C-alpha atoms as a PDB file:
ATOM      1  CA  MET A   1       0.000   0.000   0.000  1.00  0.00           C
ATOM      2  CA  GLY A   2       1.488   3.342  -1.103  1.00  0.00           C
ATOM      3  CA  ILE A   3       1.572   6.607   0.714  1.00  0.00           C
ATOM      4  CA  SER A   4      -1.503   8.779   0.131  1.00  0.00           C
ATOM      5  CA  LYS A   5      -1.515  12.147  -1.609  1.00  0.00           C
ATOM      6  CA  ARG A   6      -2.670  13.757   1.642  1.00  0.00           C
ATOM      7  CA  ALA A   7       0.223  12.204   3.591  1.00  0.00           C
ATOM      8  CA  ILE A   8       2.684  13.512   1.009  1.00  0.00           C
ATOM      9  CA  LEU A   9       1.152  16.986   1.232  1.00  0.00           C
ATOM     10  CA  VAL A  10       1.323  16.975   5.033  1.00  0.00           C
ATOM     11  CA  ILE A  11       4.925  15.765   5.063  1.00  0.00           C
ATOM     12  CA  LEU A  12       5.981  18.386   2.510  1.00  0.00           C
ATOM     13  CA  HIS A  13       4.251  21.111   4.502  1.00  0.00           C
ATOM     14  CA  MET A  14       5.872  19.952   7.725  1.00  0.00           C
ATOM     15  CA  LEU A  15       9.306  20.002   6.110  1.00  0.00           C
ATOM     16  CA  VAL A  16       8.829  23.518   4.710  1.00  0.00           C
ATOM     17  CA  TYR A  17       7.284  24.907   7.901  1.00  0.00           C
ATOM     18  CA  GLY A  18       9.950  23.172   9.989  1.00  0.00           C
ATOM     19  CA  GLY A  19      12.684  24.593   7.783  1.00  0.00           C
ATOM     20  CA  PHE A  20      11.429  28.129   8.334  1.00  0.00           C
ATOM     21  CA  PHE A  21      11.068  27.385  12.049  1.00  0.00           C
ATOM     22  CA  LEU A  22      14.725  26.330  12.282  1.00  0.00           C
ATOM     23  CA  TRP A  23      15.866  29.202  10.056  1.00  0.00           C
ATOM     24  CA  SER A  24      14.114  31.719  12.309  1.00  0.00           C
ATOM     25  CA  GLY A  25      15.797  30.433  15.453  1.00  0.00           C
ATOM     26  CA  GLY A  26      12.659  28.919  16.922  1.00  0.00           C
ATOM     27  CA  ALA A  27       9.444  30.261  18.354  1.00  0.00           C
ATOM     28  CA  PRO A  28       7.263  29.903  21.438  1.00  0.00           C
ATOM     29  CA  TRP A  29       5.692  26.489  22.085  1.00  0.00           C
ATOM     30  CA  PHE A  30       2.262  27.584  20.861  1.00  0.00           C
ATOM     31  CA  GLY A  31       3.793  28.208  17.444  1.00  0.00           C
ATOM     32  CA  ILE A  32       3.454  24.454  16.937  1.00  0.00           C
ATOM     33  CA  GLY A  33      -0.317  24.812  17.230  1.00  0.00           C
ATOM     34  CA  LEU A  34      -0.304  27.707  14.776  1.00  0.00           C
ATOM     35  CA  ALA A  35       1.753  25.708  12.282  1.00  0.00           C
ATOM     36  CA  ALA A  36      -0.541  22.678  12.652  1.00  0.00           C
ATOM     37  CA  VAL A  37      -3.669  24.731  11.903  1.00  0.00           C
ATOM     38  CA  LEU A  38      -2.006  26.506   8.976  1.00  0.00           C
ATOM     39  CA  ILE A  39      -0.884  23.165   7.509  1.00  0.00           C
ATOM     40  CA  TRP A  40      -4.385  21.729   7.983  1.00  0.00           C
ATOM     41  CA  ILE A  41      -5.912  24.710   6.168  1.00  0.00           C
ATOM     42  CA  SER A  42      -3.365  24.490   3.347  1.00  0.00           C
ATOM     43  CA  VAL A  43      -3.793  20.778   2.725  1.00  0.00           C
ATOM     44  CA  VAL A  44      -7.591  20.899   2.741  1.00  0.00           C
ATOM     45  CA  ASP A  45      -7.623  23.931   0.428  1.00  0.00           C
ATOM     46  CA  ILE A  46      -5.281  22.177  -2.013  1.00  0.00           C
ATOM     47  CA  GLU A  47      -7.504  19.085  -1.988  1.00  0.00           C
ATOM     48  CA  ARG A  48     -10.978  20.669  -2.020  1.00  0.00           C
ATOM     49  CA  PHE A  49     -10.631  24.443  -2.546  1.00  0.00           C
ATOM     50  CA  GLU A  50     -12.252  24.819   0.839  1.00  0.00           C
ATOM     51  CA  ILE A  51     -11.143  26.056   4.247  1.00  0.00           C
ATOM     52  CA  PRO A  52     -12.795  24.252   7.175  1.00  0.00           C
ATOM     53  CA  ASP A  53     -14.763  26.582   9.460  1.00  0.00           C
ATOM     54  CA  THR A  54     -13.382  24.736  12.486  1.00  0.00           C
ATOM     55  CA  ALA A  55      -9.841  25.531  11.358  1.00  0.00           C
ATOM     56  CA  SER A  56     -10.728  29.216  10.897  1.00  0.00           C
ATOM     57  CA  VAL A  57     -12.230  29.351  14.389  1.00  0.00           C
ATOM     58  CA  LEU A  58      -9.164  27.644  15.906  1.00  0.00           C
ATOM     59  CA  LEU A  59      -6.841  29.992  14.042  1.00  0.00           C
ATOM     60  CA  PHE A  60      -8.690  33.084  15.247  1.00  0.00           C
ATOM     61  CA  SER A  61      -9.101  31.790  18.822  1.00  0.00           C
ATOM     62  CA  GLY A  62      -5.415  30.954  19.084  1.00  0.00           C
ATOM     63  CA  ALA A  63      -4.579  34.447  17.846  1.00  0.00           C
ATOM     64  CA  VAL A  64      -6.756  36.039  20.523  1.00  0.00           C
ATOM     65  CA  VAL A  65      -4.886  34.058  23.189  1.00  0.00           C
ATOM     66  CA  PHE A  66      -1.540  35.014  21.607  1.00  0.00           C
ATOM     67  CA  VAL A  67      -2.411  38.723  21.553  1.00  0.00           C
ATOM     68  CA  ALA A  68      -3.647  38.578  25.147  1.00  0.00           C
ATOM     69  CA  LEU A  69      -0.580  36.775  26.515  1.00  0.00           C
ATOM     70  CA  TRP A  70       2.425  37.783  24.380  1.00  0.00           C
ATOM     71  CA  PRO A  71       4.300  40.716  25.904  1.00  0.00           C
ATOM     72  CA  GLY A  72       4.603  43.883  23.875  1.00  0.00           C
ATOM     73  CA  VAL A  73       1.879  43.051  21.367  1.00  0.00           C
ATOM     74  CA  SER A  74      -0.184  46.012  20.176  1.00  0.00           C
ATOM     75  CA  TRP A  75      -3.682  44.601  20.471  1.00  0.00           C
ATOM     76  CA  GLN A  76      -5.026  47.557  18.457  1.00  0.00           C
ATOM     77  CA  ASP A  77      -2.844  46.619  15.463  1.00  0.00           C
ATOM     78  CA  HIS A  78      -3.934  42.977  15.685  1.00  0.00           C
ATOM     79  CA  VAL A  79      -7.634  43.777  16.007  1.00  0.00           C
ATOM     80  CA  LEU A  80      -7.333  46.213  13.090  1.00  0.00           C
ATOM     81  CA  GLY A  81      -5.705  43.447  11.038  1.00  0.00           C
ATOM     82  CA  ALA A  82      -8.497  41.039  11.978  1.00  0.00           C
ATOM     83  CA  VAL A  83     -11.148  43.519  10.830  1.00  0.00           C
ATOM     84  CA  VAL A  84      -9.684  45.343   7.834  1.00  0.00           C
ATOM     85  CA  TRP A  85      -8.088  42.457   5.908  1.00  0.00           C
ATOM     86  CA  PRO A  86     -11.175  40.230   5.821  1.00  0.00           C
ATOM     87  CA  LEU A  87     -13.152  43.231   4.548  1.00  0.00           C
ATOM     88  CA  VAL A  88     -10.567  43.859   1.833  1.00  0.00           C
ATOM     89  CA  PHE A  89     -10.693  40.198   0.759  1.00  0.00           C
ATOM     90  CA  TRP A  90     -14.497  40.198   0.806  1.00  0.00           C
ATOM     91  CA  LEU A  91     -14.548  43.318  -1.389  1.00  0.00           C
ATOM     92  CA  VAL A  92     -12.042  41.807  -3.840  1.00  0.00           C
ATOM     93  CA  GLY A  93     -14.162  38.646  -3.994  1.00  0.00           C
ATOM     94  CA  VAL A  94     -17.364  40.602  -4.690  1.00  0.00           C
ATOM     95  CA  VAL A  95     -15.725  42.752  -7.374  1.00  0.00           C
ATOM     96  CA  TYR A  96     -14.194  39.689  -9.074  1.00  0.00           C
ATOM     97  CA  LEU A  97     -17.511  37.810  -9.007  1.00  0.00           C
ATOM     98  CA  ARG A  98     -19.318  40.731 -10.616  1.00  0.00           C
ATOM     99  CA  TRP A  99     -16.543  41.291 -13.144  1.00  0.00           C
ATOM    100  CA  ARG A 100     -15.940  37.679 -14.224  1.00  0.00           C
ATOM    101  CA  GLY A 101     -19.189  36.010 -13.185  1.00  0.00           C
ATOM    102  CA  VAL A 102     -17.398  33.306 -11.157  1.00  0.00           C
ATOM    103  CA  ASN A 103     -15.986  33.141  -7.658  1.00  0.00           C
ATOM    104  CA  GLY A 104     -12.289  33.899  -7.673  1.00  0.00           C
ATOM    105  CA  LEU A 105     -11.814  34.361  -3.956  1.00  0.00           C
ATOM    106  CA  GLY A 106     -13.949  32.322  -1.612  1.00  0.00           C
ATOM    107  CA  PHE A 107     -15.424  33.294   1.723  1.00  0.00           C
ATOM    108  CA  GLY A 108     -13.036  30.825   3.369  1.00  0.00           C
ATOM    109  CA  ASP A 109     -10.173  33.127   2.384  1.00  0.00           C
ATOM    110  CA  VAL A 110     -12.054  36.027   3.979  1.00  0.00           C
ATOM    111  CA  LYS A 111     -12.381  34.117   7.256  1.00  0.00           C
ATOM    112  CA  LEU A 112      -8.763  32.976   6.992  1.00  0.00           C
ATOM    113  CA  MET A 113      -7.641  36.604   6.807  1.00  0.00           C
ATOM    114  CA  ALA A 114      -9.464  37.360  10.064  1.00  0.00           C
ATOM    115  CA  GLY A 115      -7.269  34.800  11.822  1.00  0.00           C
ATOM    116  CA  ILE A 116      -4.095  35.783   9.999  1.00  0.00           C
ATOM    117  CA  GLY A 117      -4.752  39.463  10.664  1.00  0.00           C
ATOM    118  CA  MET A 118      -5.198  38.700  14.341  1.00  0.00           C
ATOM    119  CA  TRP A 119      -1.954  36.672  14.486  1.00  0.00           C
ATOM    120  CA  VAL A 120       0.304  39.096  12.625  1.00  0.00           C
ATOM    121  CA  GLY A 121      -1.508  42.430  12.956  1.00  0.00           C
ATOM    122  CA  TYR A 122      -2.514  44.913  10.301  1.00  0.00           C
ATOM    123  CA  PHE A 123       1.002  45.734   9.116  1.00  0.00           C
ATOM    124  CA  GLY A 124       2.139  42.117   9.270  1.00  0.00           C
ATOM    125  CA  ALA A 125      -0.852  41.173   7.121  1.00  0.00           C
ATOM    126  CA  VAL A 126       0.319  43.655   4.477  1.00  0.00           C
ATOM    127  CA  GLN A 127       3.532  41.623   4.246  1.00  0.00           C
ATOM    128  CA  VAL A 128       1.586  38.342   4.245  1.00  0.00           C
ATOM    129  CA  VAL A 129      -0.668  39.418   1.374  1.00  0.00           C
ATOM    130  CA  LEU A 130       2.274  40.759  -0.631  1.00  0.00           C
ATOM    131  CA  ALA A 131       4.361  37.598  -0.116  1.00  0.00           C
ATOM    132  CA  ALA A 132       1.400  35.301  -0.838  1.00  0.00           C
ATOM    133  CA  SER A 133       0.486  37.233  -3.981  1.00  0.00           C
ATOM    134  CA  LEU A 134       4.043  37.196  -5.322  1.00  0.00           C
ATOM    135  CA  SER A 135       4.359  33.478  -4.531  1.00  0.00           C
ATOM    136  CA  GLY A 136       1.054  32.752  -6.247  1.00  0.00           C
ATOM    137  CA  ILE A 137       2.123  34.701  -9.334  1.00  0.00           C
ATOM    138  CA  ALA A 138       5.426  32.788  -9.404  1.00  0.00           C
ATOM    139  CA  VAL A 139       3.569  29.469  -9.300  1.00  0.00           C
ATOM    140  CA  LEU A 140       1.214  30.591 -12.089  1.00  0.00           C
ATOM    141  CA  LEU A 141       4.181  31.658 -14.224  1.00  0.00           C
ATOM    142  CA  ALA A 142       5.843  28.295 -13.591  1.00  0.00           C
ATOM    143  CA  TYR A 143       2.577  26.586 -14.566  1.00  0.00           C
ATOM    144  CA  MET A 144       2.434  28.689 -17.711  1.00  0.00           C
ATOM    145  CA  ALA A 145       6.014  27.713 -18.566  1.00  0.00           C
ATOM    146  CA  MET A 146       5.073  24.041 -18.183  1.00  0.00           C
ATOM    147  CA  GLN A 147       2.140  24.640 -20.555  1.00  0.00           C
ATOM    148  CA  ASP A 148       4.501  25.939 -23.262  1.00  0.00           C
ATOM    149  CA  GLY A 149       3.599  29.529 -22.450  1.00  0.00           C
ATOM    150  CA  ARG A 150      -0.117  29.216 -23.153  1.00  0.00           C
ATOM    151  CA  MET A 151      -1.518  32.123 -21.152  1.00  0.00           C
ATOM    152  CA  ALA A 152      -5.129  31.109 -21.861  1.00  0.00           C
ATOM    153  CA  GLN A 153      -4.734  28.091 -19.596  1.00  0.00           C
ATOM    154  CA  ILE A 154      -4.027  30.298 -16.570  1.00  0.00           C
ATOM    155  CA  GLY A 155      -7.390  32.041 -16.837  1.00  0.00           C
ATOM    156  CA  LYS A 156      -9.094  28.651 -16.692  1.00  0.00           C
ATOM    157  CA  SER A 157      -6.976  27.256 -13.866  1.00  0.00           C
ATOM    158  CA  ALA A 158      -8.021  27.288 -10.237  1.00  0.00           C
ATOM    159  CA  VAL A 159      -5.237  27.781  -7.717  1.00  0.00           C
ATOM    160  CA  ALA A 160      -5.785  27.437  -3.989  1.00  0.00           C
ATOM    161  CA  PHE A 161      -4.644  30.727  -2.421  1.00  0.00           C
ATOM    162  CA  ALA A 162      -4.758  29.633   1.240  1.00  0.00           C
ATOM    163  CA  PRO A 163      -1.458  27.696   1.082  1.00  0.00           C
ATOM    164  CA  PHE A 164       0.332  30.857  -0.032  1.00  0.00           C
ATOM    165  CA  LEU A 165      -1.381  32.917   2.668  1.00  0.00           C
ATOM    166  CA  CYS A 166      -0.675  30.333   5.369  1.00  0.00           C
ATOM    167  CA  LEU A 167       3.015  29.877   4.620  1.00  0.00           C
ATOM    168  CA  SER A 168       3.486  33.634   4.318  1.00  0.00           C
ATOM    169  CA  ALA A 169       1.682  34.148   7.635  1.00  0.00           C
ATOM    170  CA  TRP A 170       3.927  31.533   9.278  1.00  0.00           C
ATOM    171  CA  VAL A 171       7.111  33.215   8.067  1.00  0.00           C
ATOM    172  CA  ILE A 172       5.946  36.738   8.985  1.00  0.00           C
ATOM    173  CA  TRP A 173       4.763  35.569  12.423  1.00  0.00           C
ATOM    174  CA  LEU A 174       8.080  33.816  13.072  1.00  0.00           C
ATOM    175  CA  GLN A 175       9.947  37.005  12.217  1.00  0.00           C
ATOM    176  CA  GLY A 176       7.936  38.856  14.841  1.00  0.00           C
ATOM    177  CA  VAL A 177       8.341  36.383  17.720  1.00  0.00           C
ATOM    178  CA  SER A 178      11.722  34.769  17.150  1.00  0.00           C
ATOM    179  CA  PRO A 179      14.601  35.567  19.509  1.00  0.00           C
END
């Protein structure tokens, strides 16, 4: 019996997240919980283009505890991030739906940004969105190169955005809490 696609995805995520963890010099113990939820969200979004509500609730709840307990955290910045960024993503999703007639950004991504915004704050979320967007564009360009440069295929291809957001959030969060 071979290893499942899900197991391969989880192992790859753990290796990448662990690599950034070691590169950053480590993080508080509850960073393991954050990484686990982010990996869960990424794997499910890759498989089903869906972000489990339970994962979004755990992500946001963990962020509230982090903001309450971590010394020197500006709770105003984190609350602002948890409010503004989901609204921005919701607006982008609505505009895209009206423009193209199909969903391009799901409501799961909106809820995901509430948790990410709470973990990294408003300004950290700016970095997360920028890094995730650039990473997503790089993957699409690589996909286009594999398709012999056929740009039309990109417009018809669905790409899960949560994995890019989650990994970017992990790296930005580690930068903020690492020794």
